[in-house]
Structures are given as structure tokens and as C-alpha cells.
Amino acid sequence: ALFNSAHGIWKSFLEVTEADISENLKVNVEAGFAFAREAILAFKENDIDDKGKRGTLIFTGATASIRGNTMTSGFAPGKSGLRALAQSLNKEFGKSNIHVS
């Protein structure tokens, strides 16, 4: 399963609004969470294949998930949150032969 959604605000920090951040987190983190939940539930129903795997969930990312820059204060929080979600899911569901990256 591939989650390739993003919402970025490319403004200086003082131009970014709370509504901008809310929308960014909704598209990147909330939607990523909902997508992951459905994908993992479906994967858990799969039999383990001949390589010992049930499924793979991939989130596309951005450098801003690790390191912010000028004009990314409205983009980096969502991608950083999505990256942390992916890492957490990989730790939790790797034991069930579901790979998350």
C-alpha cells in the first residue's frame, strides 16, 4: 500500500496561520493514520507468503521530515509527524511480518 499524499504551505513563519498548520496535519498525519489503519487491517488478514511477509506499507516523505528550512514551517510538521507514525508502525507491526517504511 502506498500513501503519497501531502499538503504544504510555503510561506514565511509569520505568514503561516493556525488553520494552515491544522490543514497540513490533517492531510499528512490524520489521513496517513486512517490509510495505515485500513491497510494494516487488510494485511493482517493475509496469509504469510513464501518469503515470510504479509504486506508492505510505504509513506512518501520529504527532507523536511528530518530537517526544516526557510519557508517550510508550514510543511515540515506534517511530514515529520508522518515519519514518526511510519517508524512507530514499523516497530509495532514488523513482528507480524508487515513492513512499514
N, C-alpha and C. Protein backbone atom coordinates (compact mmCIF):
# COMPACT_ATOMS: atom_id res chain seq x y z
N ALA A 1 0.86 -1.18 0.00
CA ALA A 1 0.00 0.00 0.00
C ALA A 1 0.90 1.23 0.00
N LEU A 2 0.55 2.23 -0.77
CA LEU A 2 1.36 3.44 -0.90
C LEU A 2 0.54 4.66 -0.51
N PHE A 3 1.03 5.43 0.46
CA PHE A 3 0.42 6.69 0.85
C PHE A 3 1.31 7.80 0.31
N ASN A 4 0.80 8.53 -0.68
CA ASN A 4 1.59 9.55 -1.38
C ASN A 4 0.85 10.88 -1.37
N SER A 5 0.29 11.22 -0.24
CA SER A 5 -0.44 12.46 -0.14
C SER A 5 0.39 13.48 0.64
N ALA A 6 0.23 14.74 0.33
CA ALA A 6 0.95 15.78 1.06
C ALA A 6 0.21 17.10 0.93
N HIS A 7 0.44 17.94 1.90
CA HIS A 7 -0.11 19.29 1.85
C HIS A 7 0.95 20.20 2.46
N GLY A 8 1.43 21.11 1.67
CA GLY A 8 2.46 22.02 2.16
C GLY A 8 2.06 23.47 2.04
N ILE A 9 2.54 24.23 2.97
CA ILE A 9 2.35 25.68 2.97
C ILE A 9 3.74 26.28 2.82
N TRP A 10 3.96 27.03 1.78
CA TRP A 10 5.28 27.59 1.52
C TRP A 10 5.24 29.09 1.77
N LYS A 11 5.28 29.44 3.04
CA LYS A 11 5.24 30.85 3.45
C LYS A 11 6.28 31.04 4.55
N SER A 12 6.60 32.29 4.81
CA SER A 12 7.46 32.55 5.96
C SER A 12 6.67 32.24 7.23
N PHE A 13 7.37 31.94 8.30
CA PHE A 13 6.73 31.52 9.55
C PHE A 13 5.64 32.49 10.00
N LEU A 14 5.90 33.77 9.95
CA LEU A 14 4.92 34.74 10.44
C LEU A 14 3.69 34.87 9.55
N GLU A 15 3.75 34.32 8.36
CA GLU A 15 2.59 34.30 7.46
C GLU A 15 1.76 33.03 7.60
N VAL A 16 2.33 31.99 8.19
CA VAL A 16 1.62 30.72 8.38
C VAL A 16 0.59 30.90 9.49
N THR A 17 -0.62 30.42 9.25
CA THR A 17 -1.69 30.55 10.24
C THR A 17 -1.94 29.21 10.94
N GLU A 18 -2.67 29.26 12.04
CA GLU A 18 -3.05 28.03 12.73
C GLU A 18 -3.89 27.15 11.82
N ALA A 19 -4.71 27.75 10.99
CA ALA A 19 -5.53 26.99 10.04
C ALA A 19 -4.64 26.27 9.03
N ASP A 20 -3.55 26.92 8.60
CA ASP A 20 -2.60 26.27 7.69
C ASP A 20 -2.00 25.02 8.34
N ILE A 21 -1.58 25.15 9.58
CA ILE A 21 -0.97 24.02 10.29
C ILE A 21 -1.99 22.91 10.50
N SER A 22 -3.20 23.28 10.86
CA SER A 22 -4.26 22.29 11.06
C SER A 22 -4.52 21.49 9.79
N GLU A 23 -4.60 22.17 8.66
CA GLU A 23 -4.83 21.50 7.38
C GLU A 23 -3.64 20.61 7.02
N ASN A 24 -2.45 21.10 7.26
CA ASN A 24 -1.24 20.32 6.99
C ASN A 24 -1.24 19.02 7.79
N LEU A 25 -1.55 19.09 9.07
CA LEU A 25 -1.57 17.90 9.91
C LEU A 25 -2.72 16.97 9.54
N LYS A 26 -3.83 17.54 9.12
CA LYS A 26 -4.98 16.73 8.72
C LYS A 26 -4.65 15.88 7.48
N VAL A 27 -4.05 16.51 6.49
CA VAL A 27 -3.73 15.79 5.24
C VAL A 27 -2.57 14.83 5.43
N ASN A 28 -1.53 15.25 6.12
CA ASN A 28 -0.34 14.41 6.26
C ASN A 28 -0.48 13.35 7.35
N VAL A 29 -0.87 13.75 8.54
CA VAL A 29 -0.86 12.82 9.68
C VAL A 29 -2.20 12.11 9.85
N GLU A 30 -3.29 12.85 9.91
CA GLU A 30 -4.60 12.21 10.11
C GLU A 30 -4.95 11.27 8.96
N ALA A 31 -4.78 11.74 7.75
CA ALA A 31 -5.10 10.89 6.60
C ALA A 31 -4.13 9.71 6.51
N GLY A 32 -2.86 9.94 6.83
CA GLY A 32 -1.89 8.85 6.85
C GLY A 32 -2.25 7.80 7.89
N PHE A 33 -2.71 8.25 9.05
CA PHE A 33 -3.15 7.33 10.10
C PHE A 33 -4.32 6.48 9.62
N ALA A 34 -5.33 7.13 9.05
CA ALA A 34 -6.53 6.41 8.58
C ALA A 34 -6.17 5.41 7.48
N PHE A 35 -5.32 5.82 6.55
CA PHE A 35 -4.88 4.94 5.46
C PHE A 35 -4.13 3.73 6.03
N ALA A 36 -3.21 4.00 6.95
CA ALA A 36 -2.40 2.93 7.56
C ALA A 36 -3.28 1.94 8.30
N ARG A 37 -4.25 2.44 9.01
CA ARG A 37 -5.14 1.55 9.77
C ARG A 37 -5.85 0.56 8.85
N GLU A 38 -6.40 1.06 7.77
CA GLU A 38 -7.12 0.19 6.83
C GLU A 38 -6.15 -0.79 6.14
N ALA A 39 -4.98 -0.31 5.77
CA ALA A 39 -4.01 -1.18 5.11
C ALA A 39 -3.54 -2.29 6.05
N ILE A 40 -3.22 -1.93 7.29
CA ILE A 40 -2.73 -2.93 8.24
C ILE A 40 -3.82 -3.94 8.58
N LEU A 41 -5.04 -3.49 8.73
CA LEU A 41 -6.14 -4.44 8.97
C LEU A 41 -6.26 -5.43 7.82
N ALA A 42 -6.12 -4.94 6.59
CA ALA A 42 -6.19 -5.83 5.42
C ALA A 42 -4.99 -6.77 5.40
N PHE A 43 -3.80 -6.26 5.69
CA PHE A 43 -2.60 -7.10 5.70
C PHE A 43 -2.71 -8.22 6.73
N LYS A 44 -3.29 -7.92 7.88
CA LYS A 44 -3.39 -8.91 8.95
C LYS A 44 -4.27 -10.09 8.53
N GLU A 45 -5.12 -9.88 7.54
CA GLU A 45 -5.95 -10.97 7.03
C GLU A 45 -5.20 -11.84 6.01
N ASN A 46 -4.08 -11.33 5.49
CA ASN A 46 -3.28 -12.08 4.52
C ASN A 46 -2.56 -13.24 5.19
N ASP A 47 -2.43 -14.33 4.46
CA ASP A 47 -1.54 -15.40 4.90
C ASP A 47 -0.11 -14.95 4.66
N ILE A 48 0.81 -15.45 5.46
CA ILE A 48 2.21 -15.13 5.26
C ILE A 48 2.68 -15.81 3.97
N ASP A 49 3.33 -15.05 3.07
CA ASP A 49 3.76 -15.61 1.79
C ASP A 49 5.03 -16.47 1.95
N ASP A 50 5.52 -17.00 0.86
CA ASP A 50 6.68 -17.90 0.91
C ASP A 50 7.96 -17.21 1.38
N LYS A 51 7.96 -15.88 1.40
CA LYS A 51 9.12 -15.13 1.90
C LYS A 51 8.90 -14.66 3.34
N GLY A 52 7.78 -15.07 3.92
CA GLY A 52 7.50 -14.71 5.31
C GLY A 52 6.88 -13.34 5.49
N LYS A 53 6.30 -12.78 4.44
CA LYS A 53 5.75 -11.42 4.52
C LYS A 53 4.23 -11.42 4.34
N ARG A 54 3.59 -10.41 4.94
CA ARG A 54 2.14 -10.23 4.80
C ARG A 54 1.80 -9.01 3.95
N GLY A 55 2.65 -8.01 3.95
CA GLY A 55 2.38 -6.80 3.19
C GLY A 55 3.38 -5.71 3.52
N THR A 56 3.37 -4.68 2.69
CA THR A 56 4.26 -3.53 2.87
C THR A 56 3.45 -2.25 2.74
N LEU A 57 3.67 -1.35 3.67
CA LEU A 57 3.03 -0.04 3.68
C LEU A 57 4.14 0.99 3.52
N ILE A 58 4.04 1.82 2.48
CA ILE A 58 5.06 2.82 2.19
C ILE A 58 4.42 4.22 2.26
N PHE A 59 5.09 5.09 3.00
CA PHE A 59 4.72 6.50 3.06
C PHE A 59 5.79 7.29 2.32
N THR A 60 5.39 8.17 1.40
CA THR A 60 6.38 9.04 0.78
C THR A 60 6.70 10.16 1.76
N GLY A 61 7.92 10.60 1.74
CA GLY A 61 8.37 11.60 2.70
C GLY A 61 8.97 12.81 2.03
N ALA A 62 9.73 13.53 2.82
CA ALA A 62 10.41 14.74 2.35
C ALA A 62 11.57 15.03 3.29
N THR A 63 12.57 15.70 2.79
CA THR A 63 13.69 16.09 3.64
C THR A 63 13.20 16.88 4.84
N ALA A 64 12.13 17.64 4.67
CA ALA A 64 11.59 18.45 5.75
C ALA A 64 11.10 17.61 6.93
N SER A 65 10.92 16.30 6.73
CA SER A 65 10.51 15.46 7.85
C SER A 65 11.64 15.29 8.86
N ILE A 66 12.85 15.52 8.41
CA ILE A 66 14.04 15.38 9.27
C ILE A 66 14.63 16.75 9.62
N ARG A 67 14.58 17.63 8.65
CA ARG A 67 15.26 18.92 8.81
C ARG A 67 14.43 20.02 8.14
N GLY A 68 13.96 20.95 8.93
CA GLY A 68 13.22 22.07 8.38
C GLY A 68 14.16 23.06 7.70
N ASN A 69 13.57 24.01 7.01
CA ASN A 69 14.35 25.01 6.30
C ASN A 69 13.52 26.28 6.23
N THR A 70 14.07 27.31 5.64
CA THR A 70 13.28 28.52 5.47
C THR A 70 12.07 28.19 4.60
N MET A 71 10.97 28.76 4.90
CA MET A 71 9.71 28.60 4.15
C MET A 71 9.08 27.21 4.30
N THR A 72 9.55 26.38 5.23
CA THR A 72 8.95 25.05 5.40
C THR A 72 8.25 24.89 6.75
N SER A 73 8.09 25.95 7.51
CA SER A 73 7.45 25.82 8.83
C SER A 73 5.99 25.40 8.71
N GLY A 74 5.39 25.58 7.54
CA GLY A 74 4.02 25.13 7.32
C GLY A 74 3.94 23.76 6.67
N PHE A 75 5.10 23.16 6.33
CA PHE A 75 5.16 21.87 5.67
C PHE A 75 5.82 20.80 6.55
N ALA A 76 6.92 21.17 7.19
CA ALA A 76 7.72 20.23 7.98
C ALA A 76 6.95 19.52 9.09
N PRO A 77 6.06 20.20 9.84
CA PRO A 77 5.39 19.50 10.94
C PRO A 77 4.59 18.26 10.49
N GLY A 78 3.90 18.37 9.38
CA GLY A 78 3.11 17.24 8.89
C GLY A 78 3.96 16.09 8.42
N LYS A 79 5.03 16.38 7.68
CA LYS A 79 5.90 15.32 7.19
C LYS A 79 6.70 14.69 8.33
N SER A 80 7.06 15.48 9.31
CA SER A 80 7.75 14.94 10.47
C SER A 80 6.83 14.01 11.26
N GLY A 81 5.59 14.42 11.44
CA GLY A 81 4.61 13.57 12.13
C GLY A 81 4.35 12.28 11.38
N LEU A 82 4.27 12.36 10.06
CA LEU A 82 4.04 11.17 9.25
C LEU A 82 5.24 10.21 9.34
N ARG A 83 6.44 10.76 9.38
CA ARG A 83 7.64 9.94 9.51
C ARG A 83 7.63 9.22 10.86
N ALA A 84 7.29 9.93 11.92
CA ALA A 84 7.24 9.31 13.25
C ALA A 84 6.17 8.22 13.30
N LEU A 85 5.04 8.46 12.65
CA LEU A 85 3.99 7.45 12.58
C LEU A 85 4.50 6.20 11.88
N ALA A 86 5.16 6.37 10.74
CA ALA A 86 5.69 5.23 9.99
C ALA A 86 6.69 4.44 10.82
N GLN A 87 7.57 5.12 11.52
CA GLN A 87 8.56 4.44 12.35
C GLN A 87 7.88 3.65 13.47
N SER A 88 6.89 4.23 14.09
CA SER A 88 6.16 3.55 15.17
C SER A 88 5.44 2.32 14.65
N LEU A 89 4.79 2.45 13.51
CA LEU A 89 4.07 1.32 12.93
C LEU A 89 5.02 0.21 12.52
N ASN A 90 6.19 0.57 12.00
CA ASN A 90 7.16 -0.46 11.62
C ASN A 90 7.62 -1.26 12.83
N LYS A 91 7.86 -0.58 13.93
CA LYS A 91 8.28 -1.27 15.16
C LYS A 91 7.17 -2.19 15.67
N GLU A 92 5.95 -1.71 15.63
CA GLU A 92 4.83 -2.49 16.16
C GLU A 92 4.44 -3.67 15.27
N PHE A 93 4.37 -3.45 13.97
CA PHE A 93 3.82 -4.48 13.08
C PHE A 93 4.87 -5.30 12.34
N GLY A 94 6.14 -4.93 12.47
CA GLY A 94 7.21 -5.74 11.91
C GLY A 94 7.16 -7.16 12.48
N LYS A 95 6.77 -7.25 13.75
CA LYS A 95 6.65 -8.55 14.43
C LYS A 95 5.58 -9.43 13.78
N SER A 96 4.66 -8.78 13.08
CA SER A 96 3.57 -9.51 12.41
C SER A 96 3.87 -9.70 10.91
N ASN A 97 5.13 -9.51 10.53
CA ASN A 97 5.56 -9.66 9.14
C ASN A 97 4.93 -8.63 8.20
N ILE A 98 4.67 -7.44 8.74
CA ILE A 98 4.18 -6.31 7.95
C ILE A 98 5.27 -5.25 8.00
N HIS A 99 5.78 -4.88 6.82
CA HIS A 99 6.85 -3.89 6.74
C HIS A 99 6.25 -2.51 6.49
N VAL A 100 6.71 -1.53 7.26
CA VAL A 100 6.26 -0.15 7.08
C VAL A 100 7.50 0.73 6.90
N SER A 101 7.48 1.56 5.85
CA SER A 101 8.61 2.47 5.62
C SER A 101 8.12 3.80 5.13
